[in-house]
N, C-alpha and C. Protein backbone atom coordinates (compact mmCIF):
# COMPACT_ATOMS: atom_id res chain seq x y z
N GLN A 1 -1.76 -45.94 0.10
CA GLN A 1 -2.73 -44.99 -0.37
C GLN A 1 -3.56 -45.65 -1.47
N THR A 2 -4.86 -45.48 -1.40
CA THR A 2 -5.74 -46.08 -2.38
C THR A 2 -5.75 -45.27 -3.66
N SER A 3 -6.03 -45.96 -4.78
CA SER A 3 -6.13 -45.23 -6.03
C SER A 3 -7.47 -44.50 -6.07
N ARG A 4 -7.57 -43.56 -6.98
CA ARG A 4 -8.80 -42.79 -7.07
C ARG A 4 -9.10 -42.50 -8.52
N ALA A 5 -10.36 -42.16 -8.77
CA ALA A 5 -10.79 -41.80 -10.12
C ALA A 5 -10.29 -40.40 -10.45
N PRO A 6 -10.23 -40.04 -11.74
CA PRO A 6 -9.81 -38.69 -12.10
C PRO A 6 -10.74 -37.66 -11.45
N ALA A 7 -10.19 -36.50 -11.17
CA ALA A 7 -10.99 -35.43 -10.57
C ALA A 7 -12.08 -35.01 -11.54
N ILE A 8 -13.23 -34.66 -11.01
CA ILE A 8 -14.33 -34.17 -11.82
C ILE A 8 -14.42 -32.67 -11.62
N SER A 9 -14.54 -31.96 -12.71
CA SER A 9 -14.67 -30.52 -12.65
C SER A 9 -16.15 -30.19 -12.56
N VAL A 10 -16.59 -29.59 -11.45
CA VAL A 10 -17.97 -29.19 -11.26
C VAL A 10 -18.04 -27.69 -11.49
N SER A 11 -18.84 -27.27 -12.47
CA SER A 11 -18.93 -25.84 -12.77
C SER A 11 -20.37 -25.37 -12.73
N ALA A 12 -20.53 -24.07 -12.59
CA ALA A 12 -21.86 -23.46 -12.53
C ALA A 12 -22.42 -23.32 -13.93
N GLU A 13 -23.68 -23.67 -14.10
CA GLU A 13 -24.38 -23.48 -15.36
C GLU A 13 -25.04 -22.10 -15.37
N SER A 14 -25.41 -21.63 -14.18
CA SER A 14 -25.99 -20.30 -14.02
C SER A 14 -25.36 -19.66 -12.79
N CYS A 15 -25.64 -18.39 -12.56
CA CYS A 15 -25.03 -17.67 -11.43
C CYS A 15 -25.44 -18.32 -10.10
N ILE A 16 -24.46 -18.53 -9.24
CA ILE A 16 -24.70 -19.01 -7.88
C ILE A 16 -24.43 -17.84 -6.96
N PRO A 17 -25.42 -17.39 -6.21
CA PRO A 17 -25.25 -16.18 -5.41
C PRO A 17 -24.34 -16.37 -4.20
N ALA A 18 -23.62 -15.31 -3.86
CA ALA A 18 -22.75 -15.31 -2.68
C ALA A 18 -23.58 -15.66 -1.45
N GLY A 19 -23.01 -16.47 -0.57
CA GLY A 19 -23.66 -16.83 0.67
C GLY A 19 -24.53 -18.08 0.58
N LEU A 20 -24.82 -18.58 -0.62
CA LEU A 20 -25.65 -19.77 -0.76
C LEU A 20 -24.93 -20.95 -0.12
N ARG A 21 -25.66 -21.71 0.70
CA ARG A 21 -25.09 -22.90 1.35
C ARG A 21 -25.53 -24.15 0.63
N LEU A 22 -24.60 -25.06 0.40
CA LEU A 22 -24.86 -26.36 -0.22
C LEU A 22 -24.59 -27.43 0.82
N GLY A 23 -25.40 -28.45 0.83
CA GLY A 23 -25.10 -29.55 1.72
C GLY A 23 -26.29 -30.01 2.51
N PRO A 24 -26.00 -30.80 3.52
CA PRO A 24 -24.69 -31.10 4.10
C PRO A 24 -23.85 -32.03 3.23
N VAL A 25 -22.54 -32.01 3.46
CA VAL A 25 -21.62 -32.86 2.74
C VAL A 25 -21.74 -34.27 3.33
N PRO A 26 -22.07 -35.26 2.49
CA PRO A 26 -22.24 -36.62 3.01
C PRO A 26 -20.90 -37.34 3.20
N GLY A 27 -20.91 -38.36 4.01
CA GLY A 27 -19.74 -39.22 4.17
C GLY A 27 -18.67 -38.63 5.07
N THR A 28 -17.53 -39.30 5.08
CA THR A 28 -16.38 -38.87 5.88
C THR A 28 -15.74 -37.67 5.20
N PHE A 29 -15.52 -36.61 5.96
CA PHE A 29 -15.00 -35.37 5.39
C PHE A 29 -13.47 -35.37 5.40
N LYS A 30 -12.88 -35.44 4.22
CA LYS A 30 -11.42 -35.43 4.07
C LYS A 30 -11.03 -34.49 2.93
N LEU A 31 -11.56 -33.28 2.98
CA LEU A 31 -11.29 -32.30 1.94
C LEU A 31 -9.79 -32.08 1.79
N GLY A 32 -9.29 -32.23 0.58
CA GLY A 32 -7.87 -32.00 0.30
C GLY A 32 -6.99 -33.22 0.36
N LYS A 33 -7.52 -34.37 0.75
CA LYS A 33 -6.68 -35.55 0.89
C LYS A 33 -5.94 -35.89 -0.40
N TYR A 34 -6.57 -35.68 -1.55
CA TYR A 34 -5.94 -36.01 -2.83
C TYR A 34 -5.51 -34.78 -3.60
N LEU A 35 -5.40 -33.65 -2.93
CA LEU A 35 -5.01 -32.40 -3.58
C LEU A 35 -3.55 -32.47 -4.01
N SER A 36 -3.30 -31.98 -5.22
CA SER A 36 -1.92 -31.89 -5.70
C SER A 36 -1.72 -30.52 -6.35
N ASP A 37 -0.49 -30.20 -6.68
CA ASP A 37 -0.19 -28.93 -7.34
C ASP A 37 -0.75 -28.90 -8.76
N ARG A 38 -0.93 -30.09 -9.36
CA ARG A 38 -1.44 -30.16 -10.73
C ARG A 38 -2.96 -30.09 -10.72
N LYS A 39 -3.50 -29.41 -11.70
CA LYS A 39 -4.95 -29.42 -11.92
C LYS A 39 -5.20 -30.53 -12.93
N GLU A 40 -5.69 -31.66 -12.43
CA GLU A 40 -5.82 -32.84 -13.26
C GLU A 40 -7.07 -32.75 -14.14
N PRO A 41 -6.92 -33.01 -15.44
CA PRO A 41 -8.10 -33.00 -16.30
C PRO A 41 -8.98 -34.20 -15.98
N GLY A 42 -10.24 -34.03 -16.17
CA GLY A 42 -11.16 -35.12 -15.92
C GLY A 42 -12.53 -34.77 -16.45
N PRO A 43 -13.51 -35.63 -16.19
CA PRO A 43 -14.86 -35.36 -16.66
C PRO A 43 -15.40 -34.06 -16.06
N LYS A 44 -16.37 -33.47 -16.74
CA LYS A 44 -16.97 -32.22 -16.26
C LYS A 44 -18.43 -32.45 -15.94
N LYS A 45 -18.92 -31.74 -14.93
CA LYS A 45 -20.32 -31.79 -14.54
C LYS A 45 -20.76 -30.35 -14.34
N LYS A 46 -21.91 -29.99 -14.92
CA LYS A 46 -22.44 -28.64 -14.75
C LYS A 46 -23.60 -28.67 -13.78
N VAL A 47 -23.66 -27.66 -12.93
CA VAL A 47 -24.76 -27.53 -11.99
C VAL A 47 -25.39 -26.15 -12.20
N PHE A 48 -26.66 -26.05 -11.90
CA PHE A 48 -27.34 -24.78 -12.07
C PHE A 48 -28.36 -24.62 -10.97
N SER A 49 -28.78 -23.39 -10.78
CA SER A 49 -29.77 -23.12 -9.75
C SER A 49 -31.13 -23.05 -10.40
N TYR A 50 -32.14 -23.58 -9.69
CA TYR A 50 -33.51 -23.38 -10.16
C TYR A 50 -33.76 -21.90 -10.11
N ALA A 51 -34.01 -21.30 -11.22
CA ALA A 51 -34.16 -19.85 -11.24
C ALA A 51 -35.23 -19.45 -12.24
N VAL A 52 -35.88 -18.37 -11.96
CA VAL A 52 -36.80 -17.77 -12.89
C VAL A 52 -36.10 -16.50 -13.36
N PRO A 53 -35.64 -16.42 -14.60
CA PRO A 53 -34.87 -15.27 -15.01
C PRO A 53 -35.74 -14.06 -15.33
N PRO A 54 -35.81 -13.06 -14.43
CA PRO A 54 -36.45 -11.81 -14.80
C PRO A 54 -35.56 -11.10 -15.81
N VAL A 55 -35.80 -9.86 -16.04
CA VAL A 55 -35.12 -9.17 -17.12
C VAL A 55 -33.60 -9.24 -17.02
N PHE A 56 -32.98 -8.85 -15.91
CA PHE A 56 -31.53 -8.80 -15.85
C PHE A 56 -30.90 -9.61 -14.71
N GLN A 57 -31.66 -10.33 -13.93
CA GLN A 57 -31.04 -11.06 -12.84
C GLN A 57 -31.58 -12.46 -12.72
N VAL A 58 -30.81 -13.29 -12.02
CA VAL A 58 -31.22 -14.66 -11.75
C VAL A 58 -31.71 -14.69 -10.32
N ARG A 59 -32.87 -15.25 -10.12
CA ARG A 59 -33.47 -15.30 -8.79
C ARG A 59 -33.59 -16.75 -8.36
N MET A 60 -33.18 -17.04 -7.15
CA MET A 60 -33.28 -18.41 -6.63
C MET A 60 -34.72 -18.75 -6.32
N VAL A 61 -35.13 -19.95 -6.64
CA VAL A 61 -36.44 -20.47 -6.26
C VAL A 61 -36.19 -21.68 -5.38
N ARG A 62 -36.65 -21.65 -4.19
CA ARG A 62 -36.44 -22.70 -3.18
C ARG A 62 -34.98 -22.81 -2.75
N GLY A 63 -34.10 -21.96 -3.24
CA GLY A 63 -32.71 -21.93 -2.80
C GLY A 63 -31.94 -23.21 -2.99
N GLU A 64 -32.27 -23.98 -4.02
CA GLU A 64 -31.61 -25.27 -4.20
C GLU A 64 -30.81 -25.29 -5.49
N LEU A 65 -29.65 -25.93 -5.45
CA LEU A 65 -28.85 -26.16 -6.64
C LEU A 65 -29.01 -27.61 -7.07
N VAL A 66 -29.11 -27.80 -8.37
CA VAL A 66 -29.21 -29.16 -8.91
C VAL A 66 -28.27 -29.30 -10.10
N ASP A 67 -27.93 -30.55 -10.46
CA ASP A 67 -27.09 -30.75 -11.63
C ASP A 67 -27.97 -30.84 -12.88
N GLU A 68 -27.31 -31.12 -14.03
CA GLU A 68 -28.06 -31.11 -15.29
C GLU A 68 -29.12 -32.21 -15.36
N ALA A 69 -28.98 -33.24 -14.54
CA ALA A 69 -29.97 -34.31 -14.51
C ALA A 69 -31.05 -34.06 -13.46
N GLY A 70 -30.95 -32.96 -12.74
CA GLY A 70 -31.92 -32.64 -11.70
C GLY A 70 -31.59 -33.24 -10.35
N SER A 71 -30.39 -33.83 -10.21
CA SER A 71 -29.97 -34.43 -8.94
C SER A 71 -29.64 -33.34 -7.93
N SER A 72 -29.97 -33.58 -6.66
CA SER A 72 -29.69 -32.60 -5.62
C SER A 72 -28.20 -32.57 -5.30
N ALA A 73 -27.80 -31.52 -4.59
CA ALA A 73 -26.38 -31.34 -4.23
C ALA A 73 -25.82 -32.53 -3.46
N LEU A 74 -26.64 -33.22 -2.68
CA LEU A 74 -26.14 -34.35 -1.91
C LEU A 74 -25.53 -35.43 -2.80
N GLU A 75 -25.95 -35.49 -4.05
CA GLU A 75 -25.45 -36.53 -4.96
C GLU A 75 -24.15 -36.15 -5.65
N TRP A 76 -23.78 -34.85 -5.70
CA TRP A 76 -22.56 -34.46 -6.41
C TRP A 76 -21.65 -33.54 -5.62
N ILE A 77 -22.04 -33.12 -4.43
CA ILE A 77 -21.24 -32.16 -3.67
C ILE A 77 -19.84 -32.70 -3.33
N GLY A 78 -19.74 -34.00 -3.13
CA GLY A 78 -18.45 -34.61 -2.82
C GLY A 78 -17.49 -34.63 -3.99
N LEU A 79 -17.95 -34.30 -5.18
CA LEU A 79 -17.11 -34.28 -6.38
C LEU A 79 -16.40 -32.95 -6.58
N ILE A 80 -16.76 -31.94 -5.80
CA ILE A 80 -16.16 -30.61 -5.96
C ILE A 80 -14.69 -30.66 -5.56
N ARG A 81 -13.84 -30.14 -6.42
CA ARG A 81 -12.39 -30.19 -6.22
C ARG A 81 -11.93 -29.23 -5.13
N ALA A 82 -10.92 -29.64 -4.39
CA ALA A 82 -10.30 -28.76 -3.38
C ALA A 82 -9.55 -27.64 -4.08
N ALA A 83 -9.66 -26.42 -3.57
CA ALA A 83 -8.96 -25.27 -4.14
C ALA A 83 -7.49 -25.32 -3.73
N ARG A 84 -6.60 -25.05 -4.67
CA ARG A 84 -5.17 -25.05 -4.36
C ARG A 84 -4.73 -23.76 -3.68
N ASN A 85 -5.48 -22.67 -3.90
CA ASN A 85 -5.15 -21.40 -3.27
C ASN A 85 -6.42 -20.55 -3.20
N SER A 86 -6.34 -19.42 -2.53
CA SER A 86 -7.53 -18.58 -2.34
C SER A 86 -8.00 -17.93 -3.64
N GLN A 87 -7.10 -17.75 -4.62
CA GLN A 87 -7.49 -17.12 -5.88
C GLN A 87 -8.46 -17.98 -6.68
N GLU A 88 -8.33 -19.31 -6.61
CA GLU A 88 -9.23 -20.16 -7.37
C GLU A 88 -10.41 -20.66 -6.53
N GLN A 89 -10.45 -20.33 -5.26
CA GLN A 89 -11.50 -20.80 -4.36
C GLN A 89 -12.81 -20.04 -4.58
N THR A 90 -13.92 -20.78 -4.74
CA THR A 90 -15.24 -20.17 -4.87
C THR A 90 -16.15 -20.50 -3.69
N LEU A 91 -15.86 -21.58 -2.98
CA LEU A 91 -16.67 -22.04 -1.85
C LEU A 91 -15.78 -22.25 -0.64
N GLU A 92 -16.38 -22.16 0.57
CA GLU A 92 -15.64 -22.55 1.77
C GLU A 92 -16.47 -23.55 2.53
N ALA A 93 -15.78 -24.49 3.16
CA ALA A 93 -16.43 -25.50 3.99
C ALA A 93 -16.67 -24.90 5.37
N VAL A 94 -17.90 -25.00 5.85
CA VAL A 94 -18.28 -24.43 7.14
C VAL A 94 -19.10 -25.45 7.91
N ALA A 95 -19.18 -25.25 9.23
CA ALA A 95 -20.05 -26.07 10.09
C ALA A 95 -20.71 -25.12 11.08
N ASP A 96 -21.96 -25.41 11.42
CA ASP A 96 -22.66 -24.57 12.39
C ASP A 96 -22.07 -24.70 13.78
N LEU A 97 -21.65 -25.89 14.13
CA LEU A 97 -21.04 -26.16 15.44
C LEU A 97 -19.82 -27.02 15.22
N PRO A 98 -18.82 -26.92 16.08
CA PRO A 98 -17.70 -27.87 15.95
C PRO A 98 -18.22 -29.29 16.04
N GLY A 99 -17.82 -30.11 15.07
CA GLY A 99 -18.27 -31.49 15.04
C GLY A 99 -19.64 -31.67 14.41
N GLY A 100 -20.26 -30.57 13.95
CA GLY A 100 -21.58 -30.66 13.33
C GLY A 100 -21.48 -30.97 11.85
N GLN A 101 -22.63 -30.97 11.17
CA GLN A 101 -22.65 -31.22 9.75
C GLN A 101 -21.91 -30.13 8.99
N ILE A 102 -21.28 -30.52 7.89
CA ILE A 102 -20.47 -29.59 7.11
C ILE A 102 -21.24 -29.20 5.85
N PHE A 103 -21.18 -27.92 5.54
CA PHE A 103 -21.81 -27.35 4.36
C PHE A 103 -20.75 -26.59 3.58
N TYR A 104 -21.03 -26.34 2.30
CA TYR A 104 -20.20 -25.47 1.49
C TYR A 104 -20.98 -24.18 1.29
N ARG A 105 -20.29 -23.03 1.43
CA ARG A 105 -20.91 -21.72 1.28
C ARG A 105 -20.19 -20.96 0.18
N ALA A 106 -20.97 -20.36 -0.73
CA ALA A 106 -20.38 -19.57 -1.82
C ALA A 106 -19.76 -18.29 -1.23
N LEU A 107 -18.49 -18.06 -1.51
CA LEU A 107 -17.78 -16.89 -0.99
C LEU A 107 -18.16 -15.61 -1.73
N ARG A 108 -18.59 -15.74 -2.96
CA ARG A 108 -18.94 -14.61 -3.82
C ARG A 108 -19.89 -15.15 -4.88
N ASP A 109 -20.43 -14.28 -5.70
CA ASP A 109 -21.24 -14.76 -6.82
C ASP A 109 -20.34 -15.59 -7.74
N VAL A 110 -20.78 -16.79 -8.04
CA VAL A 110 -20.05 -17.67 -8.95
C VAL A 110 -20.73 -17.55 -10.31
N GLN A 111 -19.96 -17.19 -11.31
CA GLN A 111 -20.50 -16.91 -12.64
C GLN A 111 -20.67 -18.19 -13.46
N PRO A 112 -21.60 -18.17 -14.43
CA PRO A 112 -21.79 -19.33 -15.31
C PRO A 112 -20.48 -19.75 -15.97
N GLY A 113 -20.23 -21.05 -15.98
CA GLY A 113 -19.01 -21.59 -16.57
C GLY A 113 -17.84 -21.68 -15.61
N GLU A 114 -17.94 -21.04 -14.45
CA GLU A 114 -16.85 -21.03 -13.49
C GLU A 114 -16.85 -22.33 -12.67
N GLU A 115 -15.66 -22.88 -12.46
CA GLU A 115 -15.54 -24.12 -11.69
C GLU A 115 -15.77 -23.85 -10.21
N LEU A 116 -16.46 -24.77 -9.55
CA LEU A 116 -16.62 -24.72 -8.10
C LEU A 116 -15.42 -25.39 -7.46
N THR A 117 -14.74 -24.68 -6.57
CA THR A 117 -13.63 -25.24 -5.81
C THR A 117 -13.82 -24.82 -4.36
N VAL A 118 -13.34 -25.62 -3.43
CA VAL A 118 -13.64 -25.40 -2.02
C VAL A 118 -12.40 -25.59 -1.16
N TRP A 119 -12.34 -24.84 -0.06
CA TRP A 119 -11.32 -25.05 0.98
C TRP A 119 -11.96 -24.75 2.32
N TYR A 120 -11.31 -25.14 3.37
CA TYR A 120 -11.80 -24.97 4.74
C TYR A 120 -11.94 -23.50 5.12
N SER A 121 -13.01 -23.16 5.84
CA SER A 121 -13.06 -21.86 6.51
C SER A 121 -12.03 -21.92 7.64
N ASN A 122 -11.56 -20.77 8.12
CA ASN A 122 -10.56 -20.79 9.20
C ASN A 122 -11.03 -21.54 10.44
N PRO A 123 -12.27 -21.31 10.94
CA PRO A 123 -12.71 -22.07 12.12
C PRO A 123 -12.75 -23.58 11.88
N LEU A 124 -13.19 -24.00 10.69
CA LEU A 124 -13.26 -25.43 10.41
C LEU A 124 -11.86 -26.02 10.26
N ALA A 125 -10.94 -25.26 9.65
CA ALA A 125 -9.56 -25.73 9.53
C ALA A 125 -8.96 -25.94 10.92
N GLN A 126 -9.20 -25.00 11.83
CA GLN A 126 -8.68 -25.14 13.19
C GLN A 126 -9.30 -26.35 13.88
N TRP A 127 -10.59 -26.60 13.65
CA TRP A 127 -11.27 -27.74 14.26
C TRP A 127 -10.63 -29.06 13.80
N PHE A 128 -10.30 -29.15 12.50
CA PHE A 128 -9.70 -30.36 11.94
C PHE A 128 -8.18 -30.38 12.05
N ASP A 129 -7.60 -29.37 12.67
CA ASP A 129 -6.14 -29.25 12.81
C ASP A 129 -5.46 -29.20 11.43
N ILE A 130 -6.10 -28.46 10.52
CA ILE A 130 -5.53 -28.18 9.20
C ILE A 130 -4.82 -26.83 9.32
N PRO A 131 -3.60 -26.71 8.81
CA PRO A 131 -2.93 -25.42 8.87
C PRO A 131 -3.78 -24.32 8.24
N VAL A 132 -3.81 -23.16 8.87
CA VAL A 132 -4.60 -22.04 8.38
C VAL A 132 -3.76 -21.16 7.45
N THR A 133 -2.49 -21.03 7.73
CA THR A 133 -1.63 -20.18 6.91
C THR A 133 -0.42 -20.98 6.41
N ALA A 134 0.16 -20.47 5.35
CA ALA A 134 1.40 -21.01 4.81
C ALA A 134 2.17 -19.82 4.23
N THR A 135 3.42 -19.68 4.62
CA THR A 135 4.23 -18.55 4.17
C THR A 135 5.14 -19.01 3.04
N PRO A 136 5.08 -18.30 1.91
CA PRO A 136 5.91 -18.73 0.78
C PRO A 136 7.36 -18.30 0.93
N THR A 137 8.22 -19.04 0.27
CA THR A 137 9.61 -18.64 0.06
C THR A 137 9.77 -18.48 -1.45
N HIS A 138 10.92 -18.06 -1.90
CA HIS A 138 11.14 -17.89 -3.33
C HIS A 138 12.31 -18.77 -3.76
N ASP A 139 12.12 -19.47 -4.87
CA ASP A 139 13.19 -20.33 -5.38
C ASP A 139 14.20 -19.50 -6.18
N GLU A 140 15.16 -20.19 -6.80
CA GLU A 140 16.23 -19.49 -7.53
C GLU A 140 15.71 -18.70 -8.72
N LYS A 141 14.51 -19.02 -9.23
CA LYS A 141 13.91 -18.28 -10.34
C LYS A 141 13.01 -17.15 -9.84
N GLY A 142 12.89 -17.02 -8.53
CA GLY A 142 12.04 -15.98 -7.95
C GLY A 142 10.58 -16.38 -7.83
N GLU A 143 10.26 -17.65 -8.11
CA GLU A 143 8.88 -18.12 -8.02
C GLU A 143 8.55 -18.52 -6.58
N GLU A 144 7.31 -18.25 -6.19
CA GLU A 144 6.86 -18.64 -4.85
C GLU A 144 6.78 -20.15 -4.72
N ARG A 145 7.26 -20.63 -3.58
CA ARG A 145 7.18 -22.05 -3.24
C ARG A 145 6.83 -22.15 -1.77
N TYR A 146 6.19 -23.25 -1.42
CA TYR A 146 5.80 -23.52 -0.03
C TYR A 146 6.53 -24.78 0.40
N ILE A 147 7.22 -24.71 1.54
CA ILE A 147 8.08 -25.80 1.98
C ILE A 147 7.53 -26.42 3.25
N CYS A 148 7.47 -27.75 3.26
CA CYS A 148 7.08 -28.47 4.47
C CYS A 148 8.24 -28.41 5.46
N TRP A 149 7.97 -27.88 6.65
CA TRP A 149 9.03 -27.72 7.65
C TRP A 149 9.41 -29.03 8.30
N TYR A 150 8.69 -30.10 7.99
CA TYR A 150 9.00 -31.41 8.55
C TYR A 150 9.87 -32.24 7.62
N CYS A 151 9.50 -32.31 6.33
CA CYS A 151 10.22 -33.18 5.40
C CYS A 151 10.91 -32.41 4.27
N TRP A 152 10.72 -31.10 4.20
CA TRP A 152 11.35 -30.21 3.23
C TRP A 152 10.84 -30.39 1.80
N ARG A 153 9.74 -31.08 1.61
CA ARG A 153 9.14 -31.19 0.28
C ARG A 153 8.58 -29.82 -0.10
N THR A 154 8.68 -29.45 -1.38
CA THR A 154 8.19 -28.14 -1.83
C THR A 154 6.90 -28.28 -2.61
N PHE A 155 6.10 -27.22 -2.54
CA PHE A 155 4.80 -27.17 -3.20
C PHE A 155 4.64 -25.82 -3.89
N LYS A 156 3.87 -25.80 -4.97
CA LYS A 156 3.62 -24.57 -5.70
C LYS A 156 2.47 -23.78 -5.07
N TYR A 157 1.54 -24.47 -4.41
CA TYR A 157 0.35 -23.82 -3.85
C TYR A 157 0.26 -24.04 -2.35
N PRO A 158 -0.28 -23.05 -1.61
CA PRO A 158 -0.34 -23.16 -0.16
C PRO A 158 -1.25 -24.30 0.33
N ASN A 159 -2.39 -24.51 -0.33
CA ASN A 159 -3.29 -25.56 0.16
C ASN A 159 -2.74 -26.95 -0.11
N SER A 160 -1.90 -27.09 -1.15
CA SER A 160 -1.23 -28.38 -1.39
C SER A 160 -0.32 -28.70 -0.21
N LEU A 161 0.41 -27.68 0.28
CA LEU A 161 1.26 -27.88 1.46
C LEU A 161 0.43 -28.23 2.68
N LYS A 162 -0.65 -27.49 2.92
CA LYS A 162 -1.49 -27.73 4.10
C LYS A 162 -2.06 -29.14 4.08
N ALA A 163 -2.53 -29.59 2.92
CA ALA A 163 -3.07 -30.95 2.80
C ALA A 163 -1.97 -31.98 3.04
N HIS A 164 -0.78 -31.73 2.49
CA HIS A 164 0.35 -32.65 2.69
C HIS A 164 0.67 -32.80 4.18
N VAL A 165 0.78 -31.68 4.89
CA VAL A 165 1.13 -31.72 6.32
C VAL A 165 0.06 -32.50 7.09
N HIS A 166 -1.20 -32.27 6.77
CA HIS A 166 -2.28 -32.91 7.53
C HIS A 166 -2.48 -34.38 7.18
N PHE A 167 -2.43 -34.71 5.89
CA PHE A 167 -2.78 -36.06 5.46
C PHE A 167 -1.61 -36.98 5.15
N HIS A 168 -0.46 -36.44 4.71
CA HIS A 168 0.55 -37.30 4.11
C HIS A 168 1.95 -37.25 4.72
N CYS A 169 2.35 -36.16 5.35
CA CYS A 169 3.74 -36.04 5.80
C CYS A 169 4.00 -37.00 6.96
N ALA A 170 4.82 -37.99 6.70
CA ALA A 170 5.13 -38.98 7.74
C ALA A 170 5.91 -38.36 8.89
N LEU A 171 6.64 -37.28 8.62
CA LEU A 171 7.47 -36.67 9.66
C LEU A 171 6.69 -35.72 10.55
N SER A 172 5.50 -35.26 10.11
CA SER A 172 4.73 -34.33 10.94
C SER A 172 4.01 -35.05 12.07
N HIS A 173 3.80 -36.37 11.93
CA HIS A 173 3.13 -37.18 12.95
C HIS A 173 1.81 -36.57 13.38
N GLY A 174 1.09 -36.00 12.40
CA GLY A 174 -0.22 -35.42 12.70
C GLY A 174 -0.18 -34.09 13.41
N ARG A 175 1.03 -33.53 13.61
CA ARG A 175 1.11 -32.21 14.26
C ARG A 175 0.63 -31.15 13.30
N SER A 176 0.10 -30.07 13.83
CA SER A 176 -0.30 -28.97 12.97
C SER A 176 0.94 -28.28 12.42
N PHE A 177 0.74 -27.45 11.43
CA PHE A 177 1.81 -26.75 10.76
C PHE A 177 2.49 -25.76 11.68
N LEU A 178 3.79 -25.83 11.79
CA LEU A 178 4.54 -24.91 12.65
C LEU A 178 5.61 -24.21 11.83
N HIS A 179 5.78 -22.96 12.08
CA HIS A 179 6.88 -22.21 11.47
C HIS A 179 8.14 -22.61 12.25
N PRO A 180 9.31 -22.64 11.62
CA PRO A 180 10.51 -23.08 12.34
C PRO A 180 10.87 -22.22 13.55
N ASP A 181 10.33 -20.99 13.63
CA ASP A 181 10.62 -20.15 14.79
C ASP A 181 9.79 -20.55 16.01
N HIS A 182 8.78 -21.40 15.83
CA HIS A 182 7.91 -21.78 16.96
C HIS A 182 8.40 -23.05 17.61
């Protein structure tokens, strides 16, 4: 496994409206490959929407998001961290057609200061053979844990387990996530 730079936290400088699409995502798409249960500290980058602020709302102009230096999304979209669970997820990865270009879509209004995090939409997860669901168990302290049914490694977050099964579990041999009853 190759080393990597610390994760960069990309956050909204102004409101990003629900449904806004960013992209396309450049390069080879491997969302979640370096996802872990820990939220690693790292440099921060703020992005904002070109907006003309009327009295009480932010209005998109040309529907484009840029960073503080005015760079387009194509230059920083790959820095957005993978969401560990649905509670911290603000964006979902989508494609118009299977095998087509991938975009990120805002799931809800993202508020100023909020970090952008992304995970696969269900159709895109199925296309890439990424597990769509993960069922938690409870440890001796009653805390939720997610267990790899291939190697028995435990995870605190469901997307950490899904990424492990798809990218790292040597025992899964690239198979999709299966419940032991299947």
